[in-house]
């Protein structure tokens, strides 16, 4: 909420300048890198991503930001290194960034061709805009008063409402699943086979776990189940099939088509990469 509130105070020009121009490889890479470095949980990233869209980021940049970020925060990278080792962690990060950039490029392409609705928020920079001089000027004008911090928090709460209601829904579903199905039961079914991969996608979709909760489960799929593809799929499918995320995107973009295209464009890539990981690890 605090990050969302801070973003509402940042002029659109600064967001566009940092992320780069939408519809370009450089802009997608910057958005992907920003998602990788931002140390927030999956739901926090979601709220920030929706605010980035409203501040002028292209649809492709928002998708690249989301797909690369929920389990790729700096703290979770360290946790994964401890759980599954540095080589597997680096490989998972690289593959997620590839999927993020390819998917973002496809989203921008579909927007450009008219298949998906165009961005309602303009992405333009004044010709004479220079980031650092403008940033220093803006910082000098900021008055750090209690009213400022109260306003930022209140704007963050208002900007996060669309996500919070879906988080609540997800928590209820997760509580039902955790209360009726033991985690050991479904983990034993997640072997490095097609059925195990299918069950991985199913559980990742139904089980509304945050990024901190998904990492140990994904690590167990690799270390105990011997299925690195399933581990990667569990981390990634929670991003692209998560109903909290999908419905929040629909609320922000006012488009069911964009919401449906997220799993349609990303799931095939995740399935192929997961099958390859299981095959070469066998």
C-alpha atoms as a PDB file:
ATOM      1  CA  UNK A   1       0.000   0.000   0.000  1.00  0.00           C
ATOM      2  CA  UNK A   2       2.855   2.378   0.814  1.00  0.00           C
ATOM      3  CA  UNK A   3       4.500   1.712  -2.572  1.00  0.00           C
ATOM      4  CA  UNK A   4       1.179   2.305  -4.334  1.00  0.00           C
ATOM      5  CA  UNK A   5       0.703   5.540  -2.406  1.00  0.00           C
ATOM      6  CA  UNK A   6       4.204   6.710  -3.301  1.00  0.00           C
ATOM      7  CA  UNK A   7       3.628   5.958  -6.985  1.00  0.00           C
ATOM      8  CA  UNK A   8       0.523   8.140  -7.002  1.00  0.00           C
ATOM      9  CA  UNK A   9       2.801  11.046  -6.044  1.00  0.00           C
ATOM     10  CA  UNK A  10       5.312  10.349  -8.827  1.00  0.00           C
ATOM     11  CA  UNK A  11       4.586  12.223 -12.087  1.00  0.00           C
ATOM     12  CA  UNK A  12       3.861   9.981 -15.055  1.00  0.00           C
ATOM     13  CA  UNK A  13       6.908  11.313 -16.917  1.00  0.00           C
ATOM     14  CA  UNK A  14       9.276   9.819 -14.339  1.00  0.00           C
ATOM     15  CA  UNK A  15       7.692   6.363 -14.561  1.00  0.00           C
ATOM     16  CA  UNK A  16       7.906   6.402 -18.373  1.00  0.00           C
ATOM     17  CA  UNK A  17      11.489   7.645 -18.252  1.00  0.00           C
ATOM     18  CA  UNK A  18      12.609   4.849 -15.898  1.00  0.00           C
ATOM     19  CA  UNK A  19      10.772   2.022 -17.668  1.00  0.00           C
ATOM     20  CA  UNK A  20      11.615   3.244 -21.156  1.00  0.00           C
ATOM     21  CA  UNK A  21       9.363   3.383 -24.189  1.00  0.00           C
ATOM     22  CA  UNK A  22       6.610   0.786 -24.388  1.00  0.00           C
ATOM     23  CA  UNK A  23       6.608  -1.572 -27.343  1.00  0.00           C
ATOM     24  CA  UNK A  24      10.420  -1.841 -27.428  1.00  0.00           C
ATOM     25  CA  UNK A  25      12.805  -4.577 -26.307  1.00  0.00           C
ATOM     26  CA  UNK A  26      14.614  -2.107 -24.053  1.00  0.00           C
ATOM     27  CA  UNK A  27      11.378  -1.049 -22.376  1.00  0.00           C
ATOM     28  CA  UNK A  28      10.419  -4.673 -21.756  1.00  0.00           C
ATOM     29  CA  UNK A  29      13.856  -5.514 -20.351  1.00  0.00           C
ATOM     30  CA  UNK A  30      13.724  -2.521 -17.995  1.00  0.00           C
ATOM     31  CA  UNK A  31      10.269  -3.530 -16.763  1.00  0.00           C
ATOM     32  CA  UNK A  32      11.450  -7.117 -16.296  1.00  0.00           C
ATOM     33  CA  UNK A  33      14.525  -5.978 -14.366  1.00  0.00           C
ATOM     34  CA  UNK A  34      12.406  -3.697 -12.177  1.00  0.00           C
ATOM     35  CA  UNK A  35      10.174  -6.633 -11.269  1.00  0.00           C
ATOM     36  CA  UNK A  36      13.215  -8.757 -10.482  1.00  0.00           C
ATOM     37  CA  UNK A  37      14.783  -6.189  -8.160  1.00  0.00           C
ATOM     38  CA  UNK A  38      11.667  -4.964  -6.341  1.00  0.00           C
ATOM     39  CA  UNK A  39      11.489  -6.806  -3.025  1.00  0.00           C
ATOM     40  CA  UNK A  40       7.746  -7.233  -2.547  1.00  0.00           C
ATOM     41  CA  UNK A  41       5.425 -10.199  -2.174  1.00  0.00           C
ATOM     42  CA  UNK A  42       3.259 -11.290  -5.113  1.00  0.00           C
ATOM     43  CA  UNK A  43       0.248  -9.269  -4.013  1.00  0.00           C
ATOM     44  CA  UNK A  44       2.349  -6.193  -3.317  1.00  0.00           C
ATOM     45  CA  UNK A  45       3.860  -6.463  -6.799  1.00  0.00           C
ATOM     46  CA  UNK A  46       0.357  -6.765  -8.247  1.00  0.00           C
ATOM     47  CA  UNK A  47      -0.783  -3.517  -6.652  1.00  0.00           C
ATOM     48  CA  UNK A  48       2.337  -1.708  -7.849  1.00  0.00           C
ATOM     49  CA  UNK A  49       1.928  -3.113 -11.375  1.00  0.00           C
ATOM     50  CA  UNK A  50      -1.641  -1.835 -11.636  1.00  0.00           C
ATOM     51  CA  UNK A  51      -0.436   1.586 -10.547  1.00  0.00           C
ATOM     52  CA  UNK A  52       2.361   1.478 -13.145  1.00  0.00           C
ATOM     53  CA  UNK A  53      -0.238   0.814 -15.839  1.00  0.00           C
ATOM     54  CA  UNK A  54      -2.175   3.874 -14.731  1.00  0.00           C
ATOM     55  CA  UNK A  55       1.041   5.927 -14.706  1.00  0.00           C
ATOM     56  CA  UNK A  56       1.763   5.197 -18.365  1.00  0.00           C
ATOM     57  CA  UNK A  57       3.552   1.833 -18.614  1.00  0.00           C
ATOM     58  CA  UNK A  58       2.524  -0.146 -21.696  1.00  0.00           C
ATOM     59  CA  UNK A  59       0.508  -3.351 -21.348  1.00  0.00           C
ATOM     60  CA  UNK A  60       3.527  -5.398 -22.402  1.00  0.00           C
ATOM     61  CA  UNK A  61       5.717  -3.732 -19.772  1.00  0.00           C
ATOM     62  CA  UNK A  62       3.131  -4.393 -17.051  1.00  0.00           C
ATOM     63  CA  UNK A  63       2.927  -8.056 -18.029  1.00  0.00           C
ATOM     64  CA  UNK A  64       6.725  -8.409 -18.163  1.00  0.00           C
ATOM     65  CA  UNK A  65       6.934  -6.734 -14.743  1.00  0.00           C
ATOM     66  CA  UNK A  66       4.342  -9.108 -13.269  1.00  0.00           C
ATOM     67  CA  UNK A  67       5.581 -12.339 -14.831  1.00  0.00           C
ATOM     68  CA  UNK A  68       9.211 -11.793 -13.834  1.00  0.00           C
ATOM     69  CA  UNK A  69       8.659 -10.496 -10.320  1.00  0.00           C
ATOM     70  CA  UNK A  70       6.410 -12.325  -7.832  1.00  0.00           C
ATOM     71  CA  UNK A  71       8.958 -14.954  -6.715  1.00  0.00           C
ATOM     72  CA  UNK A  72      12.039 -13.146  -8.004  1.00  0.00           C
ATOM     73  CA  UNK A  73      12.438 -10.589  -5.248  1.00  0.00           C
ATOM     74  CA  UNK A  74      15.924 -10.286  -3.796  1.00  0.00           C
ATOM     75  CA  UNK A  75      15.028 -11.909  -0.474  1.00  0.00           C
ATOM     76  CA  UNK A  76      13.290 -14.858  -2.123  1.00  0.00           C
ATOM     77  CA  UNK A  77      16.216 -15.381  -4.487  1.00  0.00           C
ATOM     78  CA  UNK A  78      18.432 -15.859  -1.423  1.00  0.00           C
ATOM     79  CA  UNK A  79      15.885 -18.278   0.057  1.00  0.00           C
ATOM     80  CA  UNK A  80      15.746 -20.301  -3.160  1.00  0.00           C
ATOM     81  CA  UNK A  81      19.545 -20.451  -3.348  1.00  0.00           C
ATOM     82  CA  UNK A  82      19.561 -21.942   0.148  1.00  0.00           C
ATOM     83  CA  UNK A  83      16.790 -24.414  -0.704  1.00  0.00           C
ATOM     84  CA  UNK A  84      17.657 -25.611  -4.226  1.00  0.00           C
ATOM     85  CA  UNK A  85      21.150 -24.235  -4.882  1.00  0.00           C
ATOM     86  CA  UNK A  86      22.564 -21.433  -7.008  1.00  0.00           C
ATOM     87  CA  UNK A  87      22.534 -23.184 -10.443  1.00  0.00           C
ATOM     88  CA  UNK A  88      18.831 -24.084 -10.337  1.00  0.00           C
ATOM     89  CA  UNK A  89      17.913 -20.651  -8.986  1.00  0.00           C
ATOM     90  CA  UNK A  90      19.784 -18.842 -11.760  1.00  0.00           C
ATOM     91  CA  UNK A  91      18.257 -21.121 -14.383  1.00  0.00           C
ATOM     92  CA  UNK A  92      14.722 -20.498 -13.066  1.00  0.00           C
ATOM     93  CA  UNK A  93      15.334 -16.739 -13.044  1.00  0.00           C
ATOM     94  CA  UNK A  94      16.661 -16.778 -16.604  1.00  0.00           C
ATOM     95  CA  UNK A  95      13.711 -18.831 -17.891  1.00  0.00           C
ATOM     96  CA  UNK A  96      11.167 -16.619 -16.136  1.00  0.00           C
ATOM     97  CA  UNK A  97      12.731 -13.506 -17.676  1.00  0.00           C
ATOM     98  CA  UNK A  98      12.617 -15.109 -21.128  1.00  0.00           C
ATOM     99  CA  UNK A  99       8.912 -15.867 -20.694  1.00  0.00           C
ATOM    100  CA  UNK A 100       8.278 -12.369 -19.328  1.00  0.00           C
ATOM    101  CA  UNK A 101       9.966 -10.586 -22.231  1.00  0.00           C
ATOM    102  CA  UNK A 102       8.423 -12.811 -24.921  1.00  0.00           C
ATOM    103  CA  UNK A 103       4.960 -12.469 -23.399  1.00  0.00           C
ATOM    104  CA  UNK A 104       5.340  -8.709 -23.004  1.00  0.00           C
ATOM    105  CA  UNK A 105       6.367  -8.411 -26.647  1.00  0.00           C
ATOM    106  CA  UNK A 106       3.313 -10.408 -27.719  1.00  0.00           C
ATOM    107  CA  UNK A 107       0.999  -8.252 -25.616  1.00  0.00           C
ATOM    108  CA  UNK A 108       2.408  -5.056 -27.135  1.00  0.00           C
ATOM    109  CA  UNK A 109       2.070  -6.601 -30.590  1.00  0.00           C
ATOM    110  CA  UNK A 110      -1.575  -7.510 -30.047  1.00  0.00           C
ATOM    111  CA  UNK A 111      -2.282  -3.994 -28.768  1.00  0.00           C
ATOM    112  CA  UNK A 112      -0.599  -2.477 -31.822  1.00  0.00           C
ATOM    113  CA  UNK A 113      -2.590  -4.706 -34.209  1.00  0.00           C
ATOM    114  CA  UNK A 114      -5.879  -3.891 -32.492  1.00  0.00           C
ATOM    115  CA  UNK A 115      -6.529  -7.391 -31.130  1.00  0.00           C
ATOM    116  CA  UNK A 116      -6.279  -6.040 -27.575  1.00  0.00           C
ATOM    117  CA  UNK A 117      -7.586  -2.613 -26.492  1.00  0.00           C
ATOM    118  CA  UNK A 118      -5.163   0.273 -26.579  1.00  0.00           C
ATOM    119  CA  UNK A 119      -3.678   1.870 -23.492  1.00  0.00           C
ATOM    120  CA  UNK A 120      -6.081   4.382 -21.942  1.00  0.00           C
ATOM    121  CA  UNK A 121      -3.235   6.216 -20.232  1.00  0.00           C
ATOM    122  CA  UNK A 122      -0.917   8.240 -22.501  1.00  0.00           C
ATOM    123  CA  UNK A 123       2.764   7.351 -22.652  1.00  0.00           C
ATOM    124  CA  UNK A 124       4.440  10.515 -23.825  1.00  0.00           C
ATOM    125  CA  UNK A 125       7.480  12.450 -22.644  1.00  0.00           C
ATOM    126  CA  UNK A 126       8.113  16.158 -23.222  1.00  0.00           C
ATOM    127  CA  UNK A 127      10.970  16.629 -25.699  1.00  0.00           C
ATOM    128  CA  UNK A 128      13.017  18.632 -23.200  1.00  0.00           C
ATOM    129  CA  UNK A 129      12.419  16.259 -20.226  1.00  0.00           C
ATOM    130  CA  UNK A 130      15.583  15.287 -18.314  1.00  0.00           C
ATOM    131  CA  UNK A 131      15.166  12.828 -15.457  1.00  0.00           C
ATOM    132  CA  UNK A 132      17.769  13.927 -12.888  1.00  0.00           C
ATOM    133  CA  UNK A 133      17.263  17.713 -13.118  1.00  0.00           C
ATOM    134  CA  UNK A 134      13.501  17.219 -12.922  1.00  0.00           C
ATOM    135  CA  UNK A 135      13.856  14.768 -10.022  1.00  0.00           C
ATOM    136  CA  UNK A 136      16.066  17.136  -8.004  1.00  0.00           C
ATOM    137  CA  UNK A 137      13.659  20.003  -8.622  1.00  0.00           C
ATOM    138  CA  UNK A 138      10.719  17.872  -7.522  1.00  0.00           C
ATOM    139  CA  UNK A 139      12.472  16.654  -4.366  1.00  0.00           C
ATOM    140  CA  UNK A 140      13.287  20.211  -3.318  1.00  0.00           C
ATOM    141  CA  UNK A 141       9.592  21.045  -3.497  1.00  0.00           C
ATOM    142  CA  UNK A 142       8.530  18.165  -1.242  1.00  0.00           C
ATOM    143  CA  UNK A 143       7.567  19.163   2.292  1.00  0.00           C
ATOM    144  CA  UNK A 144       7.907  16.214   4.691  1.00  0.00           C
ATOM    145  CA  UNK A 145       4.935  16.835   6.939  1.00  0.00           C
ATOM    146  CA  UNK A 146       2.596  14.437   8.801  1.00  0.00           C
ATOM    147  CA  UNK A 147      -0.109  15.380   6.312  1.00  0.00           C
ATOM    148  CA  UNK A 148       2.045  14.172   3.413  1.00  0.00           C
ATOM    149  CA  UNK A 149       2.589  10.724   4.946  1.00  0.00           C
ATOM    150  CA  UNK A 150      -1.099  10.451   5.849  1.00  0.00           C
ATOM    151  CA  UNK A 151      -2.077  11.355   2.290  1.00  0.00           C
ATOM    152  CA  UNK A 152       0.329   8.797   0.812  1.00  0.00           C
ATOM    153  CA  UNK A 153      -1.040   6.036   3.043  1.00  0.00           C
ATOM    154  CA  UNK A 154      -4.657   6.945   2.283  1.00  0.00           C
ATOM    155  CA  UNK A 155      -4.024   7.036  -1.462  1.00  0.00           C
ATOM    156  CA  UNK A 156      -2.285   3.664  -1.173  1.00  0.00           C
ATOM    157  CA  UNK A 157      -5.289   2.170   0.586  1.00  0.00           C
ATOM    158  CA  UNK A 158      -7.673   3.520  -2.060  1.00  0.00           C
ATOM    159  CA  UNK A 159      -5.448   2.315  -4.896  1.00  0.00           C
ATOM    160  CA  UNK A 160      -5.199  -1.162  -3.387  1.00  0.00           C
ATOM    161  CA  UNK A 161      -8.896  -1.840  -2.810  1.00  0.00           C
ATOM    162  CA  UNK A 162      -9.427  -3.720  -6.074  1.00  0.00           C
ATOM    163  CA  UNK A 163      -6.653  -6.148  -5.138  1.00  0.00           C
ATOM    164  CA  UNK A 164      -7.519  -6.508  -1.471  1.00  0.00           C
ATOM    165  CA  UNK A 165     -10.958  -7.967  -2.123  1.00  0.00           C
ATOM    166  CA  UNK A 166      -9.466 -10.685  -4.329  1.00  0.00           C
ATOM    167  CA  UNK A 167      -6.769 -11.391  -1.741  1.00  0.00           C
ATOM    168  CA  UNK A 168      -9.539 -11.966   0.818  1.00  0.00           C
ATOM    169  CA  UNK A 169     -11.294 -14.327  -1.581  1.00  0.00           C
ATOM    170  CA  UNK A 170      -8.047 -16.202  -2.177  1.00  0.00           C
ATOM    171  CA  UNK A 171      -7.358 -16.534   1.539  1.00  0.00           C
ATOM    172  CA  UNK A 172     -10.756 -18.147   2.080  1.00  0.00           C
ATOM    173  CA  UNK A 173     -10.143 -20.655  -0.736  1.00  0.00           C
ATOM    174  CA  UNK A 174      -6.648 -21.421   0.545  1.00  0.00           C
ATOM    175  CA  UNK A 175      -7.964 -21.984   4.072  1.00  0.00           C
ATOM    176  CA  UNK A 176     -10.511 -24.510   2.786  1.00  0.00           C
ATOM    177  CA  UNK A 177      -7.862 -26.411   0.819  1.00  0.00           C
ATOM    178  CA  UNK A 178      -5.341 -26.424   3.636  1.00  0.00           C
ATOM    179  CA  UNK A 179      -8.003 -27.586   6.077  1.00  0.00           C
ATOM    180  CA  UNK A 180      -9.098 -30.530   3.937  1.00  0.00           C
ATOM    181  CA  UNK A 181      -5.979 -31.674   2.027  1.00  0.00           C
ATOM    182  CA  UNK A 182      -2.639 -32.389   3.688  1.00  0.00           C
ATOM    183  CA  UNK A 183       0.301 -30.871   1.835  1.00  0.00           C
ATOM    184  CA  UNK A 184       2.168 -34.193   2.016  1.00  0.00           C
ATOM    185  CA  UNK A 185      -0.665 -35.889   0.128  1.00  0.00           C
ATOM    186  CA  UNK A 186      -0.524 -33.832  -3.032  1.00  0.00           C
ATOM    187  CA  UNK A 187       3.248 -33.400  -2.977  1.00  0.00           C
ATOM    188  CA  UNK A 188       3.660 -37.163  -3.400  1.00  0.00           C
ATOM    189  CA  UNK A 189       1.627 -36.957  -6.623  1.00  0.00           C
ATOM    190  CA  UNK A 190       3.904 -34.373  -8.244  1.00  0.00           C
ATOM    191  CA  UNK A 191       6.398 -36.628  -9.970  1.00  0.00           C
ATOM    192  CA  UNK A 192       8.314 -35.628 -13.147  1.00  0.00           C
ATOM    193  CA  UNK A 193       5.564 -36.929 -15.437  1.00  0.00           C
ATOM    194  CA  UNK A 194       2.822 -35.260 -17.443  1.00  0.00           C
ATOM    195  CA  UNK A 195       0.198 -36.113 -14.808  1.00  0.00           C
ATOM    196  CA  UNK A 196       2.366 -34.642 -12.061  1.00  0.00           C
ATOM    197  CA  UNK A 197       2.866 -31.473 -14.070  1.00  0.00           C
ATOM    198  CA  UNK A 198      -0.879 -31.190 -14.654  1.00  0.00           C
ATOM    199  CA  UNK A 199      -1.572 -31.581 -10.942  1.00  0.00           C
ATOM    200  CA  UNK A 200       1.055 -28.937 -10.249  1.00  0.00           C
ATOM    201  CA  UNK A 201      -0.786 -26.424 -12.401  1.00  0.00           C
ATOM    202  CA  UNK A 202      -4.101 -27.356 -10.801  1.00  0.00           C
ATOM    203  CA  UNK A 203      -2.896 -26.940  -7.232  1.00  0.00           C
ATOM    204  CA  UNK A 204      -0.944 -23.754  -8.019  1.00  0.00           C
ATOM    205  CA  UNK A 205      -4.135 -22.291  -9.460  1.00  0.00           C
ATOM    206  CA  UNK A 206      -6.377 -23.288  -6.557  1.00  0.00           C
ATOM    207  CA  UNK A 207      -3.923 -22.745  -3.721  1.00  0.00           C
ATOM    208  CA  UNK A 208      -3.691 -19.008  -3.157  1.00  0.00           C
ATOM    209  CA  UNK A 209      -0.191 -18.830  -1.656  1.00  0.00           C
ATOM    210  CA  UNK A 210       2.020 -15.777  -1.558  1.00  0.00           C
ATOM    211  CA  UNK A 211       5.520 -15.848  -2.996  1.00  0.00           C
ATOM    212  CA  UNK A 212       7.004 -16.586   0.422  1.00  0.00           C
ATOM    213  CA  UNK A 213       4.730 -19.603   0.779  1.00  0.00           C
ATOM    214  CA  UNK A 214       5.265 -20.939  -2.742  1.00  0.00           C
ATOM    215  CA  UNK A 215       9.078 -21.065  -2.585  1.00  0.00           C
ATOM    216  CA  UNK A 216       9.409 -23.870   0.036  1.00  0.00           C
ATOM    217  CA  UNK A 217       6.742 -25.939  -1.735  1.00  0.00           C
ATOM    218  CA  UNK A 218       8.482 -25.468  -5.088  1.00  0.00           C
ATOM    219  CA  UNK A 219      11.818 -26.399  -3.518  1.00  0.00           C
ATOM    220  CA  UNK A 220      10.302 -29.581  -2.114  1.00  0.00           C
ATOM    221  CA  UNK A 221       9.046 -30.555  -5.567  1.00  0.00           C
ATOM    222  CA  UNK A 222      12.631 -30.375  -6.825  1.00  0.00           C
ATOM    223  CA  UNK A 223      14.519 -31.897  -3.910  1.00  0.00           C
ATOM    224  CA  UNK A 224      12.046 -34.577  -2.795  1.00  0.00           C
ATOM    225  CA  UNK A 225      10.020 -35.089  -5.944  1.00  0.00           C
ATOM    226  CA  UNK A 226      12.947 -34.923  -8.340  1.00  0.00           C
ATOM    227  CA  UNK A 227      10.887 -32.798 -10.701  1.00  0.00           C
ATOM    228  CA  UNK A 228      12.560 -29.449 -11.474  1.00  0.00           C
ATOM    229  CA  UNK A 229       9.997 -28.770 -14.203  1.00  0.00           C
ATOM    230  CA  UNK A 230       7.165 -29.115 -11.710  1.00  0.00           C
ATOM    231  CA  UNK A 231       9.019 -26.812  -9.333  1.00  0.00           C
ATOM    232  CA  UNK A 232       9.405 -24.171 -12.031  1.00  0.00           C
ATOM    233  CA  UNK A 233       5.779 -24.632 -13.097  1.00  0.00           C
ATOM    234  CA  UNK A 234       4.555 -24.174  -9.524  1.00  0.00           C
ATOM    235  CA  UNK A 235       6.412 -20.883  -9.199  1.00  0.00           C
ATOM    236  CA  UNK A 236       5.309 -19.571 -12.586  1.00  0.00           C
ATOM    237  CA  UNK A 237       1.734 -20.863 -12.828  1.00  0.00           C
ATOM    238  CA  UNK A 238       0.838 -19.090  -9.613  1.00  0.00           C
ATOM    239  CA  UNK A 239       1.575 -15.903 -11.534  1.00  0.00           C
ATOM    240  CA  UNK A 240      -0.365 -16.567 -14.721  1.00  0.00           C
ATOM    241  CA  UNK A 241      -3.342 -18.518 -13.358  1.00  0.00           C
ATOM    242  CA  UNK A 242      -3.786 -16.700 -10.053  1.00  0.00           C
ATOM    243  CA  UNK A 243      -7.387 -15.468  -9.894  1.00  0.00           C
ATOM    244  CA  UNK A 244      -6.427 -12.551  -7.643  1.00  0.00           C
ATOM    245  CA  UNK A 245      -4.057 -11.323 -10.308  1.00  0.00           C
ATOM    246  CA  UNK A 246      -6.350 -12.048 -13.246  1.00  0.00           C
ATOM    247  CA  UNK A 247      -9.366 -10.271 -11.752  1.00  0.00           C
ATOM    248  CA  UNK A 248      -7.283  -7.292 -10.656  1.00  0.00           C
ATOM    249  CA  UNK A 249      -5.984  -6.906 -14.211  1.00  0.00           C
ATOM    250  CA  UNK A 250      -9.554  -7.012 -15.466  1.00  0.00           C
ATOM    251  CA  UNK A 251     -10.626  -4.322 -12.983  1.00  0.00           C
ATOM    252  CA  UNK A 252      -7.728  -2.036 -13.925  1.00  0.00           C
ATOM    253  CA  UNK A 253      -7.864  -2.461 -17.704  1.00  0.00           C
ATOM    254  CA  UNK A 254     -11.657  -2.919 -17.913  1.00  0.00           C
ATOM    255  CA  UNK A 255     -11.022  -5.722 -20.406  1.00  0.00           C
ATOM    256  CA  UNK A 256     -11.903  -9.402 -20.097  1.00  0.00           C
ATOM    257  CA  UNK A 257      -9.863 -10.056 -23.237  1.00  0.00           C
ATOM    258  CA  UNK A 258      -6.603  -8.877 -21.651  1.00  0.00           C
ATOM    259  CA  UNK A 259      -7.336 -11.001 -18.599  1.00  0.00           C
ATOM    260  CA  UNK A 260      -7.878 -14.135 -20.727  1.00  0.00           C
ATOM    261  CA  UNK A 261      -4.786 -13.503 -22.856  1.00  0.00           C
ATOM    262  CA  UNK A 262      -2.466 -13.678 -19.819  1.00  0.00           C
ATOM    263  CA  UNK A 263      -2.749 -17.472 -19.335  1.00  0.00           C
ATOM    264  CA  UNK A 264      -3.267 -18.092 -23.068  1.00  0.00           C
ATOM    265  CA  UNK A 265       0.090 -16.549 -23.983  1.00  0.00           C
ATOM    266  CA  UNK A 266       2.157 -17.659 -21.008  1.00  0.00           C
ATOM    267  CA  UNK A 267       0.959 -21.144 -20.059  1.00  0.00           C
ATOM    268  CA  UNK A 268       2.157 -22.838 -23.290  1.00  0.00           C
ATOM    269  CA  UNK A 269       5.645 -21.395 -22.745  1.00  0.00           C
ATOM    270  CA  UNK A 270       5.711 -22.561 -19.122  1.00  0.00           C
ATOM    271  CA  UNK A 271       4.503 -26.059 -20.057  1.00  0.00           C
ATOM    272  CA  UNK A 272       7.168 -26.485 -22.749  1.00  0.00           C
ATOM    273  CA  UNK A 273       9.985 -25.269 -20.489  1.00  0.00           C
ATOM    274  CA  UNK A 274       8.776 -27.405 -17.574  1.00  0.00           C
ATOM    275  CA  UNK A 275       8.617 -30.548 -19.714  1.00  0.00           C
ATOM    276  CA  UNK A 276      12.134 -29.871 -20.997  1.00  0.00           C
ATOM    277  CA  UNK A 277      13.440 -29.376 -17.457  1.00  0.00           C
ATOM    278  CA  UNK A 278      11.915 -32.681 -16.329  1.00  0.00           C
ATOM    279  CA  UNK A 279      13.232 -34.475 -19.417  1.00  0.00           C
ATOM    280  CA  UNK A 280      16.839 -33.339 -19.105  1.00  0.00           C
ATOM    281  CA  UNK A 281      16.869 -33.883 -15.336  1.00  0.00           C
ATOM    282  CA  UNK A 282      15.613 -37.463 -15.661  1.00  0.00           C
END
